[in-house]
């Protein structure tokens, strides 16, 4: 049970870190990507706003998924190393 708990802690932590980083980075990238080249809007601004909001949500979902995946890998490695150390150093016998 501790193995699963440790892995899930890493998955949740990775997902939270992924969505946090995406939330910080994605709006700046999308603002740069949607800035008009010559200072004049050459597009339908309402549609561009809808598309940008949709792209932000998609980026956050992808960041969450990537973070959760990396957290899963890190949690599995961490828990496996911890389990191996526990097997190598058995507890002292009870008196």
C-alpha atoms as a PDB file:
ATOM      1  CA  UNK A   1       0.000   0.000   0.000  1.00  0.00           C
ATOM      2  CA  UNK A   2       2.874   2.375   0.735  1.00  0.00           C
ATOM      3  CA  UNK A   3       4.242   1.685  -2.753  1.00  0.00           C
ATOM      4  CA  UNK A   4       0.993   2.780  -4.404  1.00  0.00           C
ATOM      5  CA  UNK A   5       0.666   5.799  -2.120  1.00  0.00           C
ATOM      6  CA  UNK A   6       4.200   6.965  -2.924  1.00  0.00           C
ATOM      7  CA  UNK A   7       3.649   6.553  -6.669  1.00  0.00           C
ATOM      8  CA  UNK A   8       0.312   8.385  -6.567  1.00  0.00           C
ATOM      9  CA  UNK A   9       1.879  11.232  -4.588  1.00  0.00           C
ATOM     10  CA  UNK A  10       4.445  11.672  -7.338  1.00  0.00           C
ATOM     11  CA  UNK A  11       1.748  11.486 -10.044  1.00  0.00           C
ATOM     12  CA  UNK A  12      -0.368  14.168  -8.375  1.00  0.00           C
ATOM     13  CA  UNK A  13       2.683  16.327  -7.683  1.00  0.00           C
ATOM     14  CA  UNK A  14       3.844  16.009 -11.271  1.00  0.00           C
ATOM     15  CA  UNK A  15       0.387  16.860 -12.598  1.00  0.00           C
ATOM     16  CA  UNK A  16       0.192  19.954 -10.400  1.00  0.00           C
ATOM     17  CA  UNK A  17       3.677  21.054 -11.395  1.00  0.00           C
ATOM     18  CA  UNK A  18       2.850  20.494 -15.076  1.00  0.00           C
ATOM     19  CA  UNK A  19      -0.332  22.573 -14.966  1.00  0.00           C
ATOM     20  CA  UNK A  20       1.416  25.305 -12.960  1.00  0.00           C
ATOM     21  CA  UNK A  21       4.282  25.616 -15.449  1.00  0.00           C
ATOM     22  CA  UNK A  22       1.887  25.539 -18.391  1.00  0.00           C
ATOM     23  CA  UNK A  23      -0.279  28.228 -16.823  1.00  0.00           C
ATOM     24  CA  UNK A  24       2.783  30.442 -16.376  1.00  0.00           C
ATOM     25  CA  UNK A  25       4.329  29.883 -19.828  1.00  0.00           C
ATOM     26  CA  UNK A  26       1.423  29.311 -22.246  1.00  0.00           C
ATOM     27  CA  UNK A  27      -0.236  32.776 -22.063  1.00  0.00           C
ATOM     28  CA  UNK A  28       3.032  34.521 -22.945  1.00  0.00           C
ATOM     29  CA  UNK A  29       3.644  32.213 -25.877  1.00  0.00           C
ATOM     30  CA  UNK A  30       0.079  32.586 -27.121  1.00  0.00           C
ATOM     31  CA  UNK A  31       0.194  36.378 -26.772  1.00  0.00           C
ATOM     32  CA  UNK A  32       3.355  36.473 -28.856  1.00  0.00           C
ATOM     33  CA  UNK A  33       1.840  34.090 -31.396  1.00  0.00           C
ATOM     34  CA  UNK A  34      -1.361  36.164 -31.772  1.00  0.00           C
ATOM     35  CA  UNK A  35       0.260  39.624 -31.919  1.00  0.00           C
ATOM     36  CA  UNK A  36      -0.326  41.315 -35.287  1.00  0.00           C
ATOM     37  CA  UNK A  37       2.819  41.818 -37.347  1.00  0.00           C
ATOM     38  CA  UNK A  38       2.276  45.448 -38.375  1.00  0.00           C
ATOM     39  CA  UNK A  39       0.213  46.653 -35.436  1.00  0.00           C
ATOM     40  CA  UNK A  40      -3.119  46.249 -37.235  1.00  0.00           C
ATOM     41  CA  UNK A  41      -5.561  43.450 -36.555  1.00  0.00           C
ATOM     42  CA  UNK A  42      -5.963  41.407 -39.706  1.00  0.00           C
ATOM     43  CA  UNK A  43      -8.273  38.835 -38.191  1.00  0.00           C
ATOM     44  CA  UNK A  44     -11.605  38.388 -36.442  1.00  0.00           C
ATOM     45  CA  UNK A  45     -10.594  39.246 -32.860  1.00  0.00           C
ATOM     46  CA  UNK A  46     -13.541  37.439 -31.217  1.00  0.00           C
ATOM     47  CA  UNK A  47     -12.710  34.180 -33.008  1.00  0.00           C
ATOM     48  CA  UNK A  48      -9.013  34.589 -32.209  1.00  0.00           C
ATOM     49  CA  UNK A  49      -9.877  35.047 -28.529  1.00  0.00           C
ATOM     50  CA  UNK A  50     -11.996  31.869 -28.527  1.00  0.00           C
ATOM     51  CA  UNK A  51      -9.226  29.922 -30.238  1.00  0.00           C
ATOM     52  CA  UNK A  52      -6.619  31.267 -27.833  1.00  0.00           C
ATOM     53  CA  UNK A  53      -8.687  30.297 -24.792  1.00  0.00           C
ATOM     54  CA  UNK A  54      -9.206  26.822 -26.239  1.00  0.00           C
ATOM     55  CA  UNK A  55      -5.473  26.489 -26.911  1.00  0.00           C
ATOM     56  CA  UNK A  56      -4.698  27.540 -23.322  1.00  0.00           C
ATOM     57  CA  UNK A  57      -7.014  24.883 -21.910  1.00  0.00           C
ATOM     58  CA  UNK A  58      -5.517  22.263 -24.244  1.00  0.00           C
ATOM     59  CA  UNK A  59      -2.004  23.315 -23.250  1.00  0.00           C
ATOM     60  CA  UNK A  60      -2.929  23.007 -19.575  1.00  0.00           C
ATOM     61  CA  UNK A  61      -4.374  19.535 -20.136  1.00  0.00           C
ATOM     62  CA  UNK A  62      -1.232  18.460 -21.978  1.00  0.00           C
ATOM     63  CA  UNK A  63       0.958  19.946 -19.248  1.00  0.00           C
ATOM     64  CA  UNK A  64      -1.044  18.087 -16.629  1.00  0.00           C
ATOM     65  CA  UNK A  65      -0.716  14.821 -18.563  1.00  0.00           C
ATOM     66  CA  UNK A  66       3.009  15.217 -19.136  1.00  0.00           C
ATOM     67  CA  UNK A  67       3.568  16.169 -15.499  1.00  0.00           C
ATOM     68  CA  UNK A  68       1.515  13.202 -14.309  1.00  0.00           C
ATOM     69  CA  UNK A  69       3.444  10.865 -16.617  1.00  0.00           C
ATOM     70  CA  UNK A  70       6.799  12.145 -15.425  1.00  0.00           C
ATOM     71  CA  UNK A  71       5.563  11.958 -11.834  1.00  0.00           C
ATOM     72  CA  UNK A  72       4.496   8.356 -12.422  1.00  0.00           C
ATOM     73  CA  UNK A  73       7.957   7.433 -13.695  1.00  0.00           C
ATOM     74  CA  UNK A  74       9.681   9.287 -10.845  1.00  0.00           C
ATOM     75  CA  UNK A  75       7.347   7.709  -8.279  1.00  0.00           C
ATOM     76  CA  UNK A  76       7.943   4.208  -9.616  1.00  0.00           C
ATOM     77  CA  UNK A  77      11.710   4.707  -9.520  1.00  0.00           C
ATOM     78  CA  UNK A  78      11.617   6.254  -6.047  1.00  0.00           C
ATOM     79  CA  UNK A  79       9.353   3.550  -4.629  1.00  0.00           C
ATOM     80  CA  UNK A  80      11.390   0.749  -6.237  1.00  0.00           C
ATOM     81  CA  UNK A  81      14.641   2.099  -4.798  1.00  0.00           C
ATOM     82  CA  UNK A  82      13.007   2.467  -1.392  1.00  0.00           C
ATOM     83  CA  UNK A  83      11.631  -1.067  -1.552  1.00  0.00           C
ATOM     84  CA  UNK A  84      15.043  -2.440  -2.565  1.00  0.00           C
ATOM     85  CA  UNK A  85      16.771  -0.667   0.335  1.00  0.00           C
ATOM     86  CA  UNK A  86      14.179  -2.065   2.752  1.00  0.00           C
ATOM     87  CA  UNK A  87      14.776  -5.593   1.409  1.00  0.00           C
ATOM     88  CA  UNK A  88      18.556  -5.218   1.713  1.00  0.00           C
ATOM     89  CA  UNK A  89      18.333  -4.026   5.322  1.00  0.00           C
ATOM     90  CA  UNK A  90      15.828  -6.295   7.104  1.00  0.00           C
ATOM     91  CA  UNK A  91      14.473  -5.086  10.414  1.00  0.00           C
ATOM     92  CA  UNK A  92      16.083  -6.364  13.583  1.00  0.00           C
ATOM     93  CA  UNK A  93      14.298  -9.432  14.976  1.00  0.00           C
ATOM     94  CA  UNK A  94      11.918  -8.842  17.826  1.00  0.00           C
ATOM     95  CA  UNK A  95      13.237  -9.682  21.301  1.00  0.00           C
END
